[in-house]
Amino acid sequence: MSSKPNSEDTIRIGFICVQNAGRSQMSTAFAEHERERRGLDHVEVLTGGTDPADSIHEEVLEVMSEAGIDLSHRQPREITVDELRSCAYVATMGCSTLDVGDVGEDVDVRDWALDDPDSKDFDRVREIRDEIESRVGALFDEIETAE
């Protein structure tokens, strides 16, 4: 962003991938947890996909449940370019068809380049989950430092 937000400004974070059925859903859940844990009510979390799946991957539901997070009530959804333009930060998962030029230069877009958990064994999906949790924590550290 061109200027640092103050604590009263809404900061939107977007997590996107193609299907919105794995990595971006895990990222969103961890971001919601971090927002609550840190008391950052002014942070809004968005998620979506460029070609959403019908449901969240079973492997993802299982490993997130192991971490105490229930994603069974969530549904993949499409995200719009306008929604992404409203974000201060957008994290793509390594599969996005997002053209960074479409969202504008004021959005801090990062490609996390994570493996797709779909059809992976549970140990690999746990590794992906743990990497996502770490990256989300680091992003929230940045947000708090920028305030």
Protein backbone atom coordinates (compact mmCIF):
# COMPACT_ATOMS: atom_id res chain seq x y z
CA MET A 1 0.00 0.00 0.00
CA SER A 2 1.12 3.50 -0.61
CA SER A 3 0.43 4.63 2.95
CA LYS A 4 0.35 2.88 6.27
CA PRO A 5 -3.15 2.27 7.58
CA ASN A 6 -4.08 3.46 11.04
CA SER A 7 -5.79 1.08 13.41
CA GLU A 8 -9.27 2.45 12.59
CA ASP A 9 -9.00 1.71 8.87
CA THR A 10 -10.40 -1.56 7.58
CA ILE A 11 -7.66 -3.76 6.19
CA ARG A 12 -8.86 -6.43 3.79
CA ILE A 13 -6.88 -9.57 3.10
CA GLY A 14 -7.83 -11.84 0.22
CA PHE A 15 -6.86 -15.50 -0.13
CA ILE A 16 -7.49 -16.91 -3.58
CA CYS A 17 -6.83 -19.95 -5.72
CA VAL A 18 -8.58 -21.56 -8.64
CA GLN A 19 -11.00 -23.89 -6.82
CA ASN A 20 -11.24 -22.21 -3.38
CA ALA A 21 -11.47 -25.74 -2.00
CA GLY A 22 -8.19 -26.22 -0.16
CA ARG A 23 -5.33 -23.81 0.38
CA SER A 24 -7.33 -20.59 0.29
CA GLN A 25 -9.94 -22.05 2.66
CA MET A 26 -7.25 -23.11 5.13
CA SER A 27 -5.63 -19.66 4.84
CA THR A 28 -8.94 -17.96 5.51
CA ALA A 29 -9.65 -20.08 8.59
CA PHE A 30 -6.20 -19.38 10.05
CA ALA A 31 -6.56 -15.66 9.25
CA GLU A 32 -9.90 -15.51 11.03
CA HIS A 33 -8.30 -17.20 14.03
CA GLU A 34 -5.36 -14.74 14.01
CA ARG A 35 -7.70 -11.77 13.71
CA GLU A 36 -9.64 -12.92 16.76
CA ARG A 37 -6.56 -13.94 18.77
CA ARG A 38 -4.88 -10.57 18.17
CA GLY A 39 -8.04 -8.50 18.58
CA LEU A 40 -7.74 -6.97 15.11
CA ASP A 41 -11.41 -6.29 14.48
CA HIS A 42 -10.53 -3.90 11.64
CA VAL A 43 -9.12 -6.76 9.54
CA GLU A 44 -11.55 -8.26 7.05
CA VAL A 45 -10.81 -11.61 5.43
CA LEU A 46 -12.04 -12.50 1.93
CA THR A 47 -11.65 -15.75 0.04
CA GLY A 48 -12.65 -17.12 -3.31
CA GLY A 49 -11.59 -18.85 -6.46
CA THR A 50 -11.42 -18.08 -10.13
CA ASP A 51 -13.21 -21.38 -10.95
CA PRO A 52 -14.71 -22.64 -7.66
CA ALA A 53 -15.13 -26.34 -6.93
CA ASP A 54 -18.39 -27.82 -5.70
CA SER A 55 -17.04 -28.51 -2.20
CA ILE A 56 -13.97 -28.33 -0.02
CA HIS A 57 -11.51 -31.20 -0.49
CA GLU A 58 -12.09 -34.07 1.97
CA GLU A 59 -8.39 -34.15 2.90
CA VAL A 60 -8.56 -30.50 3.88
CA LEU A 61 -11.67 -30.99 5.99
CA GLU A 62 -9.91 -33.82 7.85
CA VAL A 63 -6.58 -32.11 8.61
CA MET A 64 -8.26 -28.85 9.61
CA SER A 65 -10.54 -30.81 11.94
CA GLU A 66 -7.39 -32.27 13.51
CA ALA A 67 -6.28 -28.68 14.13
CA GLY A 68 -9.60 -27.89 15.83
CA ILE A 69 -11.11 -26.00 12.89
CA ASP A 70 -14.37 -27.12 11.30
CA LEU A 71 -14.65 -26.16 7.63
CA SER A 72 -17.61 -28.45 6.85
CA HIS A 73 -20.03 -25.50 6.73
CA ARG A 74 -17.98 -23.59 4.15
CA GLN A 75 -18.58 -23.51 0.43
CA PRO A 76 -16.15 -22.56 -2.33
CA ARG A 77 -17.15 -19.31 -4.00
CA GLU A 78 -16.06 -17.11 -6.87
CA ILE A 79 -14.17 -13.93 -6.03
CA THR A 80 -14.46 -10.80 -8.14
CA VAL A 81 -11.72 -8.46 -9.31
CA ASP A 82 -13.54 -5.63 -7.50
CA GLU A 83 -13.30 -7.57 -4.23
CA LEU A 84 -9.59 -8.09 -4.81
CA ARG A 85 -9.08 -4.40 -5.61
CA SER A 86 -10.53 -3.56 -2.18
CA CYS A 87 -7.79 -5.58 -0.45
CA ALA A 88 -4.57 -4.29 1.03
CA TYR A 89 -3.03 -7.78 0.66
CA VAL A 90 -3.87 -10.70 -1.62
CA ALA A 91 -2.24 -14.09 -1.25
CA THR A 92 -2.52 -16.46 -4.18
CA MET A 93 -1.75 -20.10 -3.57
CA GLY A 94 0.39 -20.86 -6.61
CA CYS A 95 -2.39 -21.76 -8.99
CA SER A 96 -4.22 -18.52 -9.57
CA THR A 97 -5.13 -17.11 -12.93
CA LEU A 98 -5.06 -13.65 -11.34
CA ASP A 99 -3.46 -11.00 -13.49
CA VAL A 100 -1.79 -8.70 -10.96
CA GLY A 101 -2.36 -5.75 -13.29
CA ASP A 102 -6.10 -6.28 -12.94
CA VAL A 103 -6.11 -5.48 -9.22
CA GLY A 104 -3.93 -2.40 -9.35
CA GLU A 105 -0.60 -1.42 -7.91
CA ASP A 106 -1.98 -0.48 -4.47
CA VAL A 107 -2.68 -4.14 -3.66
CA ASP A 108 0.22 -6.13 -2.21
CA VAL A 109 -0.10 -9.43 -4.13
CA ARG A 110 1.95 -12.42 -2.99
CA ASP A 111 2.14 -15.85 -4.57
CA TRP A 112 2.68 -18.41 -1.83
CA ALA A 113 3.33 -21.20 -4.39
CA LEU A 114 1.87 -24.00 -2.24
CA ASP A 115 1.17 -27.53 -3.42
CA ASP A 116 -2.46 -28.37 -4.11
CA PRO A 117 -3.67 -30.65 -1.28
CA ASP A 118 -6.28 -32.34 -3.50
CA SER A 119 -5.71 -36.13 -3.56
CA LYS A 120 -2.50 -35.87 -1.52
CA ASP A 121 -1.85 -38.19 1.42
CA PHE A 122 -2.76 -36.83 4.84
CA ASP A 123 0.86 -36.31 5.93
CA ARG A 124 1.48 -34.03 2.93
CA VAL A 125 -1.78 -32.14 3.51
CA ARG A 126 -0.75 -31.60 7.15
CA GLU A 127 2.57 -30.15 5.95
CA ILE A 128 0.71 -27.78 3.61
CA ARG A 129 -1.66 -26.82 6.45
CA ASP A 130 1.23 -26.07 8.79
CA GLU A 131 3.02 -23.98 6.13
CA ILE A 132 -0.16 -21.98 5.58
CA GLU A 133 -0.59 -21.38 9.31
CA SER A 134 2.98 -20.09 9.50
CA ARG A 135 2.57 -17.77 6.49
CA VAL A 136 -0.71 -16.37 7.81
CA GLY A 137 0.93 -15.66 11.17
CA ALA A 138 3.81 -13.87 9.44
CA LEU A 139 1.36 -11.78 7.39
CA PHE A 140 -0.45 -10.72 10.55
CA ASP A 141 2.89 -9.84 12.13
CA GLU A 142 3.50 -7.52 9.13
CA ILE A 143 0.07 -5.95 9.47
CA GLU A 144 0.59 -5.24 13.16
CA THR A 145 4.06 -3.80 12.51
CA ALA A 146 2.69 -1.49 9.77
CA GLU A 147 0.10 0.05 12.10
